[in-house]
Protein backbone atom coordinates (compact mmCIF):
# COMPACT_ATOMS: atom_id res chain seq x y z
CA MET A 1 -31.24 -5.23 -1.04
CA SER A 2 -27.87 -3.96 0.12
CA GLY A 3 -26.60 -0.39 -0.17
CA PRO A 4 -23.80 0.86 -2.37
CA ILE A 5 -20.36 -0.65 -1.93
CA PRO A 6 -18.16 1.86 -0.09
CA ARG A 7 -15.13 3.08 -1.98
CA LYS A 8 -11.85 1.88 -0.59
CA THR A 9 -9.49 4.56 0.68
CA VAL A 10 -5.77 4.64 -0.05
CA LEU A 11 -3.04 6.81 1.47
CA ILE A 12 0.00 7.46 -0.75
CA VAL A 13 3.29 8.29 0.95
CA GLU A 14 5.84 9.04 -1.75
CA ASP A 15 8.62 11.65 -1.87
CA GLU A 16 8.42 11.93 -5.67
CA ILE A 17 5.29 14.07 -6.13
CA LEU A 18 4.89 13.30 -9.85
CA ALA A 19 4.98 9.56 -9.13
CA ALA A 20 2.45 10.03 -6.33
CA MET A 21 0.15 12.05 -8.57
CA ALA A 22 0.33 9.40 -11.31
CA ILE A 23 -0.63 6.66 -8.84
CA GLN A 24 -3.42 8.85 -7.49
CA ALA A 25 -4.86 9.47 -10.97
CA GLU A 26 -4.83 5.78 -11.86
CA LEU A 27 -6.43 4.69 -8.59
CA GLU A 28 -9.12 7.37 -8.76
CA ASP A 29 -9.86 6.44 -12.39
CA VAL A 30 -10.90 2.96 -11.24
CA GLY A 31 -12.91 4.17 -8.25
CA TYR A 32 -10.57 4.33 -5.27
CA HIS A 33 -10.52 7.35 -3.00
CA VAL A 34 -7.00 8.68 -2.43
CA MET A 35 -7.21 10.49 0.88
CA ASP A 36 -3.81 12.12 0.90
CA LEU A 37 -0.50 12.51 -0.88
CA THR A 38 2.50 13.21 1.30
CA GLY A 39 6.19 12.47 1.46
CA ARG A 40 6.56 12.93 5.20
CA HIS A 41 6.20 10.47 8.06
CA ASP A 42 4.47 12.86 10.48
CA GLU A 43 1.90 14.07 7.92
CA ALA A 44 1.10 10.53 6.80
CA LEU A 45 0.66 9.26 10.35
CA ALA A 46 -1.58 12.20 11.29
CA ALA A 47 -3.75 11.62 8.19
CA ALA A 48 -4.00 7.89 8.93
CA ARG A 49 -4.99 8.53 12.53
CA ALA A 50 -7.65 11.04 11.47
CA ARG A 51 -9.21 8.77 8.87
CA LYS A 52 -7.95 5.22 8.81
CA PRO A 53 -7.25 4.23 5.18
CA ASP A 54 -7.86 0.71 3.90
CA LEU A 55 -4.30 0.57 2.55
CA ALA A 56 -1.19 2.77 2.60
CA LEU A 57 1.30 2.79 -0.27
CA VAL A 58 4.63 3.76 1.31
CA ASN A 59 7.96 4.49 -0.32
CA ILE A 60 10.91 3.53 1.86
CA GLN A 61 12.81 6.72 0.97
CA LEU A 62 10.84 9.74 2.16
CA GLU A 63 11.48 13.48 2.39
CA GLY A 64 14.22 14.67 4.70
CA ARG A 65 15.16 12.24 7.43
CA ASP A 66 11.82 10.46 7.32
CA ASP A 67 11.89 6.71 6.78
CA GLY A 68 9.14 4.60 5.24
CA VAL A 69 10.09 1.55 7.29
CA ALA A 70 9.51 3.45 10.56
CA LEU A 71 6.26 4.81 9.13
CA ALA A 72 5.13 1.31 8.16
CA ARG A 73 5.74 0.19 11.75
CA ASP A 74 3.67 3.11 13.07
CA LEU A 75 0.86 2.51 10.57
CA LYS A 76 0.76 -1.19 11.41
CA ALA A 77 0.41 -0.27 15.09
CA ILE A 78 -2.83 1.61 14.32
CA GLY A 79 -4.15 -1.14 12.05
CA VAL A 80 -3.34 0.26 8.61
CA PRO A 81 -1.89 -2.30 6.17
CA VAL A 82 1.14 -1.10 4.19
CA LEU A 83 2.40 -1.91 0.72
CA PHE A 84 5.99 -0.78 0.17
CA ILE A 85 6.46 0.93 -3.20
CA SER A 86 10.20 1.16 -3.52
CA GLY A 87 13.26 0.27 -5.53
CA GLN A 88 14.89 -0.82 -2.27
CA THR A 89 13.65 -4.41 -2.47
CA SER A 90 16.17 -5.89 -0.04
CA ARG A 91 15.30 -3.25 2.55
CA ALA A 92 11.59 -3.90 2.00
CA ARG A 93 12.13 -7.63 2.55
CA SER A 94 14.11 -6.99 5.73
CA ALA A 95 11.15 -4.96 7.04
CA GLN A 96 8.48 -7.40 5.92
CA THR A 97 7.01 -7.77 9.41
CA ASP A 98 5.81 -4.16 9.08
CA ALA A 99 4.12 -4.46 5.67
CA ILE A 100 1.89 -6.85 3.76
CA GLY A 101 3.93 -6.67 0.58
CA SER A 102 6.23 -4.82 -1.75
CA MET A 103 5.89 -3.48 -5.27
CA PRO A 104 9.36 -2.79 -6.68
CA LYS A 105 10.07 0.32 -8.74
CA PRO A 106 9.81 0.83 -11.57
CA TYR A 107 6.22 -0.31 -11.98
CA SER A 108 3.49 0.61 -14.40
CA ALA A 109 0.31 2.34 -13.29
CA PHE A 110 -1.59 -0.72 -14.51
CA ASP A 111 0.51 -3.01 -12.29
CA MET A 112 -0.01 -0.72 -9.29
CA VAL A 113 -3.79 -0.75 -9.74
CA ARG A 114 -3.76 -4.54 -10.05
CA ALA A 115 -1.65 -4.82 -6.87
CA VAL A 116 -4.03 -2.58 -4.92
CA ASP A 117 -7.05 -4.49 -6.27
CA TYR A 118 -5.48 -7.79 -5.28
CA LEU A 119 -4.44 -6.73 -1.77
CA LEU A 120 -7.70 -5.03 -0.90
CA ALA A 121 -9.69 -8.00 -2.18
CA ARG A 122 -7.56 -10.37 -0.09
CA LEU A 123 -7.92 -8.16 2.97
CA CYS A 124 -11.69 -8.49 2.51
CA GLY A 125 -11.41 -12.28 2.27
CA ASP A 126 -11.77 -12.50 -1.53
CA ASP A 127 -9.10 -14.73 -3.04
CA SER A 128 -10.51 -14.81 -6.58
CA LEU A 129 -7.98 -12.41 -8.14
CA PRO A 130 -4.62 -13.70 -9.36
CA ARG A 131 -1.55 -12.24 -7.69
CA PRO A 132 0.07 -9.65 -9.97
CA GLN A 133 3.43 -10.78 -11.29
CA HIS A 134 5.59 -8.04 -9.75
CA LEU A 135 3.87 -7.94 -6.36
CA GLU A 136 5.74 -9.63 -3.54
CA VAL A 137 3.37 -10.57 -0.73
CA PHE A 138 4.65 -10.85 2.82
CA GLY A 139 2.53 -12.50 5.34
CA PRO A 140 0.44 -13.98 6.36
CA LEU A 141 -2.22 -11.69 7.64
CA PRO A 142 -4.44 -13.63 10.00
CA GLY A 143 -6.58 -15.78 7.74
CA LYS A 144 -6.34 -13.37 4.84
CA ILE A 145 -3.17 -12.97 2.78
CA ALA A 146 -0.89 -15.98 2.49
CA PRO A 147 2.81 -15.35 1.84
CA ASP A 148 4.22 -16.07 -1.60
CA ALA A 149 4.84 -19.77 -1.85
CA ALA A 150 6.89 -20.27 -4.97
CA ALA A 151 6.29 -17.00 -6.79
């Protein structure tokens, strides 16, 4: 008999605190652990280094001069997969080597939960969930997430 399934941990990096709190509430309602909410590159990177999350949701526009694309590059370097959550879809696509996908704003909380479910399942090798309609997947991750074919 196996033990309990560990809860997956998500880091949210969003400069709009109300949006971040809404995502946090939805993810926690379905059983995810949200380890941190921040809108700053340095805080997010320090949190990720201290306790490596399973997935980071990163807005491209962050507080001050911080940049989500640079943060995604830094998170990728320490092995944390990134999902861009941004209205800047062309910028997200141009930085797709630093992230596993993009969820364009505006999105519903339901769509965000489905995107997180899908990506974390795929990262664990489970391809049974359908790809959410608004999620753009970059890729591929080695043997895990295939890029969108004809989405």
